[in-house]
């Protein structure tokens, strides 16, 4: 579905990505793990058009994304759940969801998707008229995921969905990630909770200082001594 070849991205003088190559196949959950500042979020932002590569290519179903504007990337079928959620705090829950569907004109299907979202996250149904600013951290994460899903993406980019959440909410979020995938959405997941991420992922890549240093199935990476020591906190 998506193929990244020798991607380089700079933040000013900082060389954030140094020749990253990876691929995600249709129907997969692929996770990126690595320390803070390794370049994981930079990679997602480059895919979604928020950052411009200085070298290399990003192809989504054979269409080159290099230089494409973010709304054009969304139109192609890629949605981004950003780190920190970035909900519209001054809008209601329902208005946030409507913003996720802003490129769509299929009103009947949009109504069906509202129903699906409220089945997926019943709390959002209960609070659909509330201001998004009044939601808890976990509810705001549910809203950020739901807003992205309202664009009906084929590929969902998720950046740190468990960040700052209580353990029970984290478990719920990861179950939902699996449900979304089983419903037909391919997922590229950036996650500090490497143990949970690798348990749900079909495959994973380890990024270190802007480079891919390891890759394999979720099970293989969970069993790798280097991953266990540096990313799972095991000796």
C-alpha atoms as a PDB file:
ATOM      1  CA  UNK A   1       0.000   0.000   0.000  1.00  0.00           C
ATOM      2  CA  UNK A   2       2.748   2.461   0.892  1.00  0.00           C
ATOM      3  CA  UNK A   3       6.425   2.304  -0.019  1.00  0.00           C
ATOM      4  CA  UNK A   4       9.075   4.650   1.334  1.00  0.00           C
ATOM      5  CA  UNK A   5      12.448   4.603  -0.388  1.00  0.00           C
ATOM      6  CA  UNK A   6      15.628   6.235   0.927  1.00  0.00           C
ATOM      7  CA  UNK A   7      13.724   9.088   2.590  1.00  0.00           C
ATOM      8  CA  UNK A   8      15.663  12.042   3.971  1.00  0.00           C
ATOM      9  CA  UNK A   9      13.980  14.873   5.890  1.00  0.00           C
ATOM     10  CA  UNK A  10      15.627  17.936   7.445  1.00  0.00           C
ATOM     11  CA  UNK A  11      14.349  20.238  10.207  1.00  0.00           C
ATOM     12  CA  UNK A  12      16.516  23.253   9.375  1.00  0.00           C
ATOM     13  CA  UNK A  13      20.059  22.039   9.992  1.00  0.00           C
ATOM     14  CA  UNK A  14      18.872  18.862  11.774  1.00  0.00           C
ATOM     15  CA  UNK A  15      18.983  15.748   9.578  1.00  0.00           C
ATOM     16  CA  UNK A  16      15.898  14.028  11.065  1.00  0.00           C
ATOM     17  CA  UNK A  17      15.530  11.076   8.664  1.00  0.00           C
ATOM     18  CA  UNK A  18      18.593   9.563   7.012  1.00  0.00           C
ATOM     19  CA  UNK A  19      17.620   7.239   4.190  1.00  0.00           C
ATOM     20  CA  UNK A  20      14.610   5.473   5.707  1.00  0.00           C
ATOM     21  CA  UNK A  21      13.113   2.693   3.579  1.00  0.00           C
ATOM     22  CA  UNK A  22      10.060   0.670   4.598  1.00  0.00           C
ATOM     23  CA  UNK A  23       6.757  -0.607   3.289  1.00  0.00           C
ATOM     24  CA  UNK A  24       3.260  -1.298   4.593  1.00  0.00           C
ATOM     25  CA  UNK A  25       1.031  -3.830   2.853  1.00  0.00           C
ATOM     26  CA  UNK A  26      -2.756  -3.664   2.620  1.00  0.00           C
ATOM     27  CA  UNK A  27      -4.441  -4.969   5.768  1.00  0.00           C
ATOM     28  CA  UNK A  28      -1.391  -4.758   8.032  1.00  0.00           C
ATOM     29  CA  UNK A  29      -0.711  -3.059  11.337  1.00  0.00           C
ATOM     30  CA  UNK A  30       2.912  -1.930  11.147  1.00  0.00           C
ATOM     31  CA  UNK A  31       4.494  -0.226  14.150  1.00  0.00           C
ATOM     32  CA  UNK A  32       7.486   2.082  14.433  1.00  0.00           C
ATOM     33  CA  UNK A  33       9.347   2.011  17.731  1.00  0.00           C
ATOM     34  CA  UNK A  34      12.336   3.981  18.935  1.00  0.00           C
ATOM     35  CA  UNK A  35      13.467   6.555  21.467  1.00  0.00           C
ATOM     36  CA  UNK A  36      12.119  10.115  21.590  1.00  0.00           C
ATOM     37  CA  UNK A  37      13.658  12.134  18.770  1.00  0.00           C
ATOM     38  CA  UNK A  38      14.432   9.070  16.644  1.00  0.00           C
ATOM     39  CA  UNK A  39      12.378  10.414  13.716  1.00  0.00           C
ATOM     40  CA  UNK A  40       9.159   8.394  14.019  1.00  0.00           C
ATOM     41  CA  UNK A  41       6.763  11.366  14.109  1.00  0.00           C
ATOM     42  CA  UNK A  42       8.786  13.082  11.388  1.00  0.00           C
ATOM     43  CA  UNK A  43       8.140  10.101   9.128  1.00  0.00           C
ATOM     44  CA  UNK A  44       4.360  10.273   9.675  1.00  0.00           C
ATOM     45  CA  UNK A  45       4.361  14.023   9.060  1.00  0.00           C
ATOM     46  CA  UNK A  46       6.275  13.523   5.813  1.00  0.00           C
ATOM     47  CA  UNK A  47       3.749  10.925   4.620  1.00  0.00           C
ATOM     48  CA  UNK A  48       0.815  13.234   5.396  1.00  0.00           C
ATOM     49  CA  UNK A  49       2.367  16.194   3.555  1.00  0.00           C
ATOM     50  CA  UNK A  50       3.174  18.308   6.610  1.00  0.00           C
ATOM     51  CA  UNK A  51       6.928  18.015   5.973  1.00  0.00           C
ATOM     52  CA  UNK A  52       8.716  17.976   2.635  1.00  0.00           C
ATOM     53  CA  UNK A  53      11.402  15.326   2.002  1.00  0.00           C
ATOM     54  CA  UNK A  54      14.820  16.582   0.939  1.00  0.00           C
ATOM     55  CA  UNK A  55      15.542  13.300  -0.851  1.00  0.00           C
ATOM     56  CA  UNK A  56      13.871   9.964  -1.519  1.00  0.00           C
ATOM     57  CA  UNK A  57      10.284   9.061  -2.310  1.00  0.00           C
ATOM     58  CA  UNK A  58       6.938   8.161  -0.746  1.00  0.00           C
ATOM     59  CA  UNK A  59       4.503   6.177  -2.905  1.00  0.00           C
ATOM     60  CA  UNK A  60       0.949   5.369  -1.846  1.00  0.00           C
ATOM     61  CA  UNK A  61      -0.662   2.771  -4.116  1.00  0.00           C
ATOM     62  CA  UNK A  62       1.864   3.788  -6.792  1.00  0.00           C
ATOM     63  CA  UNK A  63       1.033   7.519  -6.506  1.00  0.00           C
ATOM     64  CA  UNK A  64       4.014   9.674  -5.496  1.00  0.00           C
ATOM     65  CA  UNK A  65       3.202  11.847  -2.463  1.00  0.00           C
ATOM     66  CA  UNK A  66       6.317  14.037  -2.652  1.00  0.00           C
ATOM     67  CA  UNK A  67       5.260  17.698  -2.680  1.00  0.00           C
ATOM     68  CA  UNK A  68       1.563  16.904  -2.259  1.00  0.00           C
ATOM     69  CA  UNK A  69      -0.520  19.165   0.026  1.00  0.00           C
ATOM     70  CA  UNK A  70      -1.999  17.587   3.192  1.00  0.00           C
ATOM     71  CA  UNK A  71      -5.621  17.840   1.998  1.00  0.00           C
ATOM     72  CA  UNK A  72      -4.653  16.066  -1.239  1.00  0.00           C
ATOM     73  CA  UNK A  73      -3.070  13.262   0.805  1.00  0.00           C
ATOM     74  CA  UNK A  74      -6.314  12.927   2.793  1.00  0.00           C
ATOM     75  CA  UNK A  75      -8.292  12.824  -0.452  1.00  0.00           C
ATOM     76  CA  UNK A  76      -6.153   9.900  -1.642  1.00  0.00           C
ATOM     77  CA  UNK A  77      -7.096   7.902   1.474  1.00  0.00           C
ATOM     78  CA  UNK A  78      -4.583   8.668   4.247  1.00  0.00           C
ATOM     79  CA  UNK A  79      -5.638  10.071   7.638  1.00  0.00           C
ATOM     80  CA  UNK A  80      -3.331  11.173  10.445  1.00  0.00           C
ATOM     81  CA  UNK A  81      -4.067  10.974  14.192  1.00  0.00           C
ATOM     82  CA  UNK A  82      -1.412  13.405  15.469  1.00  0.00           C
ATOM     83  CA  UNK A  83       0.580  13.208  18.675  1.00  0.00           C
ATOM     84  CA  UNK A  84      -1.179  15.302  21.307  1.00  0.00           C
ATOM     85  CA  UNK A  85      -4.597  14.688  19.649  1.00  0.00           C
ATOM     86  CA  UNK A  86      -4.981  18.257  18.235  1.00  0.00           C
ATOM     87  CA  UNK A  87      -8.761  18.226  18.587  1.00  0.00           C
ATOM     88  CA  UNK A  88     -10.750  21.409  17.983  1.00  0.00           C
ATOM     89  CA  UNK A  89     -11.372  22.269  21.626  1.00  0.00           C
ATOM     90  CA  UNK A  90     -13.882  25.050  20.902  1.00  0.00           C
ATOM     91  CA  UNK A  91     -16.101  22.753  18.812  1.00  0.00           C
ATOM     92  CA  UNK A  92     -18.477  20.044  19.994  1.00  0.00           C
ATOM     93  CA  UNK A  93     -17.710  16.338  19.641  1.00  0.00           C
ATOM     94  CA  UNK A  94     -20.099  16.108  16.680  1.00  0.00           C
ATOM     95  CA  UNK A  95     -18.566  19.175  14.993  1.00  0.00           C
ATOM     96  CA  UNK A  96     -15.087  17.636  15.357  1.00  0.00           C
ATOM     97  CA  UNK A  97     -16.346  14.499  13.615  1.00  0.00           C
ATOM     98  CA  UNK A  98     -17.924  16.589  10.849  1.00  0.00           C
ATOM     99  CA  UNK A  99     -14.543  18.277  10.317  1.00  0.00           C
ATOM    100  CA  UNK A 100     -13.060  14.830   9.691  1.00  0.00           C
ATOM    101  CA  UNK A 101     -15.522  14.331   6.819  1.00  0.00           C
ATOM    102  CA  UNK A 102     -14.985  17.758   5.262  1.00  0.00           C
ATOM    103  CA  UNK A 103     -13.876  16.366   1.869  1.00  0.00           C
ATOM    104  CA  UNK A 104     -16.823  13.986   1.564  1.00  0.00           C
ATOM    105  CA  UNK A 105     -20.184  14.559  -0.149  1.00  0.00           C
ATOM    106  CA  UNK A 106     -21.802  11.147   0.479  1.00  0.00           C
ATOM    107  CA  UNK A 107     -24.175  12.329   3.214  1.00  0.00           C
ATOM    108  CA  UNK A 108     -25.997   9.029   3.683  1.00  0.00           C
ATOM    109  CA  UNK A 109     -22.745   7.142   4.206  1.00  0.00           C
ATOM    110  CA  UNK A 110     -21.499   9.883   6.539  1.00  0.00           C
ATOM    111  CA  UNK A 111     -24.575   9.293   8.728  1.00  0.00           C
ATOM    112  CA  UNK A 112     -23.819   5.546   8.759  1.00  0.00           C
ATOM    113  CA  UNK A 113     -20.224   6.301   9.742  1.00  0.00           C
ATOM    114  CA  UNK A 114     -21.440   8.413  12.670  1.00  0.00           C
ATOM    115  CA  UNK A 115     -23.379   5.347  13.843  1.00  0.00           C
ATOM    116  CA  UNK A 116     -20.303   3.136  13.460  1.00  0.00           C
ATOM    117  CA  UNK A 117     -18.113   5.616  15.373  1.00  0.00           C
ATOM    118  CA  UNK A 118     -20.644   5.757  18.221  1.00  0.00           C
ATOM    119  CA  UNK A 119     -20.701   1.942  18.355  1.00  0.00           C
ATOM    120  CA  UNK A 120     -16.912   1.918  18.452  1.00  0.00           C
ATOM    121  CA  UNK A 121     -16.775   4.622  21.141  1.00  0.00           C
ATOM    122  CA  UNK A 122     -20.090   4.748  23.064  1.00  0.00           C
ATOM    123  CA  UNK A 123     -18.742   7.541  25.292  1.00  0.00           C
ATOM    124  CA  UNK A 124     -18.597   9.876  22.307  1.00  0.00           C
ATOM    125  CA  UNK A 125     -22.258   9.156  21.609  1.00  0.00           C
ATOM    126  CA  UNK A 126     -23.134  10.123  25.178  1.00  0.00           C
ATOM    127  CA  UNK A 127     -21.126  13.345  24.863  1.00  0.00           C
ATOM    128  CA  UNK A 128     -21.746  14.261  21.219  1.00  0.00           C
ATOM    129  CA  UNK A 129     -23.130  17.731  22.073  1.00  0.00           C
ATOM    130  CA  UNK A 130     -20.392  18.557  24.599  1.00  0.00           C
ATOM    131  CA  UNK A 131     -17.482  20.862  23.883  1.00  0.00           C
ATOM    132  CA  UNK A 132     -14.416  18.758  23.061  1.00  0.00           C
ATOM    133  CA  UNK A 133     -12.471  20.757  25.672  1.00  0.00           C
ATOM    134  CA  UNK A 134     -14.573  19.163  28.444  1.00  0.00           C
ATOM    135  CA  UNK A 135     -13.588  15.586  27.545  1.00  0.00           C
ATOM    136  CA  UNK A 136     -11.075  13.540  29.523  1.00  0.00           C
ATOM    137  CA  UNK A 137      -7.700  12.683  27.963  1.00  0.00           C
ATOM    138  CA  UNK A 138      -8.911   9.235  26.967  1.00  0.00           C
ATOM    139  CA  UNK A 139     -12.104  10.619  25.447  1.00  0.00           C
ATOM    140  CA  UNK A 140     -10.110  13.217  23.501  1.00  0.00           C
ATOM    141  CA  UNK A 141      -7.955  10.412  22.082  1.00  0.00           C
ATOM    142  CA  UNK A 142     -11.105   8.527  21.072  1.00  0.00           C
ATOM    143  CA  UNK A 143     -12.301  11.710  19.354  1.00  0.00           C
ATOM    144  CA  UNK A 144      -8.986  12.236  17.529  1.00  0.00           C
ATOM    145  CA  UNK A 145      -9.111   8.663  16.201  1.00  0.00           C
ATOM    146  CA  UNK A 146     -12.779   9.001  15.235  1.00  0.00           C
ATOM    147  CA  UNK A 147     -12.237  12.312  13.439  1.00  0.00           C
ATOM    148  CA  UNK A 148      -9.526  10.656  11.319  1.00  0.00           C
ATOM    149  CA  UNK A 149     -11.803   7.693  10.570  1.00  0.00           C
ATOM    150  CA  UNK A 150     -14.553  10.000   9.319  1.00  0.00           C
ATOM    151  CA  UNK A 151     -12.422  10.611   6.221  1.00  0.00           C
ATOM    152  CA  UNK A 152     -12.801   6.866   5.463  1.00  0.00           C
ATOM    153  CA  UNK A 153      -9.040   6.303   5.113  1.00  0.00           C
ATOM    154  CA  UNK A 154      -7.463   3.258   3.571  1.00  0.00           C
ATOM    155  CA  UNK A 155      -4.321   4.009   5.610  1.00  0.00           C
ATOM    156  CA  UNK A 156      -4.476   5.396   9.144  1.00  0.00           C
ATOM    157  CA  UNK A 157      -1.351   7.028  10.601  1.00  0.00           C
ATOM    158  CA  UNK A 158      -1.416   6.968  14.415  1.00  0.00           C
ATOM    159  CA  UNK A 159       1.127   8.928  16.473  1.00  0.00           C
ATOM    160  CA  UNK A 160       1.404   7.944  20.161  1.00  0.00           C
ATOM    161  CA  UNK A 161      -2.272   7.048  20.760  1.00  0.00           C
ATOM    162  CA  UNK A 162      -1.569   5.843  24.328  1.00  0.00           C
ATOM    163  CA  UNK A 163       0.437   8.893  25.423  1.00  0.00           C
ATOM    164  CA  UNK A 164      -0.567  10.132  28.885  1.00  0.00           C
ATOM    165  CA  UNK A 165      -3.470   7.717  29.305  1.00  0.00           C
ATOM    166  CA  UNK A 166      -4.313   5.457  32.252  1.00  0.00           C
ATOM    167  CA  UNK A 167      -3.451   1.748  31.803  1.00  0.00           C
ATOM    168  CA  UNK A 168      -7.087   0.625  31.454  1.00  0.00           C
ATOM    169  CA  UNK A 169      -7.733   3.240  28.769  1.00  0.00           C
ATOM    170  CA  UNK A 170      -4.537   2.184  26.983  1.00  0.00           C
ATOM    171  CA  UNK A 171      -5.792  -1.408  26.799  1.00  0.00           C
ATOM    172  CA  UNK A 172      -9.107  -0.171  25.412  1.00  0.00           C
ATOM    173  CA  UNK A 173      -7.389   1.981  22.770  1.00  0.00           C
ATOM    174  CA  UNK A 174      -5.267  -0.962  21.563  1.00  0.00           C
ATOM    175  CA  UNK A 175      -8.317  -3.219  21.326  1.00  0.00           C
ATOM    176  CA  UNK A 176      -9.964  -0.527  19.221  1.00  0.00           C
ATOM    177  CA  UNK A 177      -6.891  -0.300  16.971  1.00  0.00           C
ATOM    178  CA  UNK A 178      -7.280  -4.021  16.278  1.00  0.00           C
ATOM    179  CA  UNK A 179     -11.016  -3.569  15.582  1.00  0.00           C
ATOM    180  CA  UNK A 180     -10.324  -0.756  13.125  1.00  0.00           C
ATOM    181  CA  UNK A 181      -7.765  -2.945  11.347  1.00  0.00           C
ATOM    182  CA  UNK A 182     -10.155  -5.917  11.233  1.00  0.00           C
ATOM    183  CA  UNK A 183     -12.724  -3.580   9.679  1.00  0.00           C
ATOM    184  CA  UNK A 184     -10.376  -3.123   6.709  1.00  0.00           C
ATOM    185  CA  UNK A 185      -8.149  -0.137   7.548  1.00  0.00           C
ATOM    186  CA  UNK A 186      -4.379  -0.492   7.232  1.00  0.00           C
ATOM    187  CA  UNK A 187      -2.495   1.129  10.139  1.00  0.00           C
ATOM    188  CA  UNK A 188       0.979   2.622  10.543  1.00  0.00           C
ATOM    189  CA  UNK A 189       1.473   3.094  14.276  1.00  0.00           C
ATOM    190  CA  UNK A 190       4.062   5.137  16.181  1.00  0.00           C
ATOM    191  CA  UNK A 191       4.028   4.159  19.837  1.00  0.00           C
ATOM    192  CA  UNK A 192       6.260   4.553  22.927  1.00  0.00           C
ATOM    193  CA  UNK A 193       4.541   1.565  24.552  1.00  0.00           C
ATOM    194  CA  UNK A 194       6.612  -0.873  22.518  1.00  0.00           C
ATOM    195  CA  UNK A 195       5.291  -3.967  24.269  1.00  0.00           C
ATOM    196  CA  UNK A 196       1.634  -3.232  23.483  1.00  0.00           C
ATOM    197  CA  UNK A 197       2.444  -2.014  19.959  1.00  0.00           C
ATOM    198  CA  UNK A 198       4.424  -5.126  19.009  1.00  0.00           C
ATOM    199  CA  UNK A 199       1.731  -7.396  20.448  1.00  0.00           C
ATOM    200  CA  UNK A 200      -0.898  -6.000  18.048  1.00  0.00           C
ATOM    201  CA  UNK A 201       1.394  -5.359  15.054  1.00  0.00           C
ATOM    202  CA  UNK A 202       1.929  -7.736  12.167  1.00  0.00           C
ATOM    203  CA  UNK A 203       5.366  -6.206  11.582  1.00  0.00           C
ATOM    204  CA  UNK A 204       7.574  -3.530  13.091  1.00  0.00           C
ATOM    205  CA  UNK A 205      10.560  -1.310  12.415  1.00  0.00           C
ATOM    206  CA  UNK A 206      13.005   0.056  14.984  1.00  0.00           C
ATOM    207  CA  UNK A 207      14.180   3.597  14.182  1.00  0.00           C
ATOM    208  CA  UNK A 208      17.305   5.000  15.817  1.00  0.00           C
ATOM    209  CA  UNK A 209      18.609   8.532  15.130  1.00  0.00           C
ATOM    210  CA  UNK A 210      16.754   8.735  11.831  1.00  0.00           C
ATOM    211  CA  UNK A 211      17.629   5.296  10.478  1.00  0.00           C
ATOM    212  CA  UNK A 212      15.928   1.893  10.425  1.00  0.00           C
ATOM    213  CA  UNK A 213      18.170  -0.430  12.438  1.00  0.00           C
ATOM    214  CA  UNK A 214      15.886  -3.482  12.848  1.00  0.00           C
ATOM    215  CA  UNK A 215      12.735  -4.887  11.316  1.00  0.00           C
ATOM    216  CA  UNK A 216      10.694  -8.050  11.576  1.00  0.00           C
ATOM    217  CA  UNK A 217       7.357  -9.444  12.668  1.00  0.00           C
ATOM    218  CA  UNK A 218       5.900  -8.223  15.948  1.00  0.00           C
ATOM    219  CA  UNK A 219       6.712 -11.573  17.581  1.00  0.00           C
ATOM    220  CA  UNK A 220      10.283 -11.559  16.254  1.00  0.00           C
ATOM    221  CA  UNK A 221      10.981  -8.074  17.583  1.00  0.00           C
ATOM    222  CA  UNK A 222       9.439  -8.894  20.978  1.00  0.00           C
ATOM    223  CA  UNK A 223      11.916 -11.764  21.242  1.00  0.00           C
ATOM    224  CA  UNK A 224      14.954  -9.747  20.074  1.00  0.00           C
ATOM    225  CA  UNK A 225      17.431  -9.098  22.885  1.00  0.00           C
ATOM    226  CA  UNK A 226      18.183  -5.560  21.698  1.00  0.00           C
ATOM    227  CA  UNK A 227      14.500  -4.630  21.670  1.00  0.00           C
ATOM    228  CA  UNK A 228      13.871  -6.290  25.039  1.00  0.00           C
ATOM    229  CA  UNK A 229      16.754  -4.416  26.620  1.00  0.00           C
ATOM    230  CA  UNK A 230      16.338  -0.942  25.150  1.00  0.00           C
ATOM    231  CA  UNK A 231      12.604  -0.634  24.414  1.00  0.00           C
ATOM    232  CA  UNK A 232      10.859  -3.059  26.755  1.00  0.00           C
ATOM    233  CA  UNK A 233      12.932  -2.291  29.858  1.00  0.00           C
ATOM    234  CA  UNK A 234      14.014  -5.901  30.287  1.00  0.00           C
ATOM    235  CA  UNK A 235      17.548  -6.943  31.194  1.00  0.00           C
END
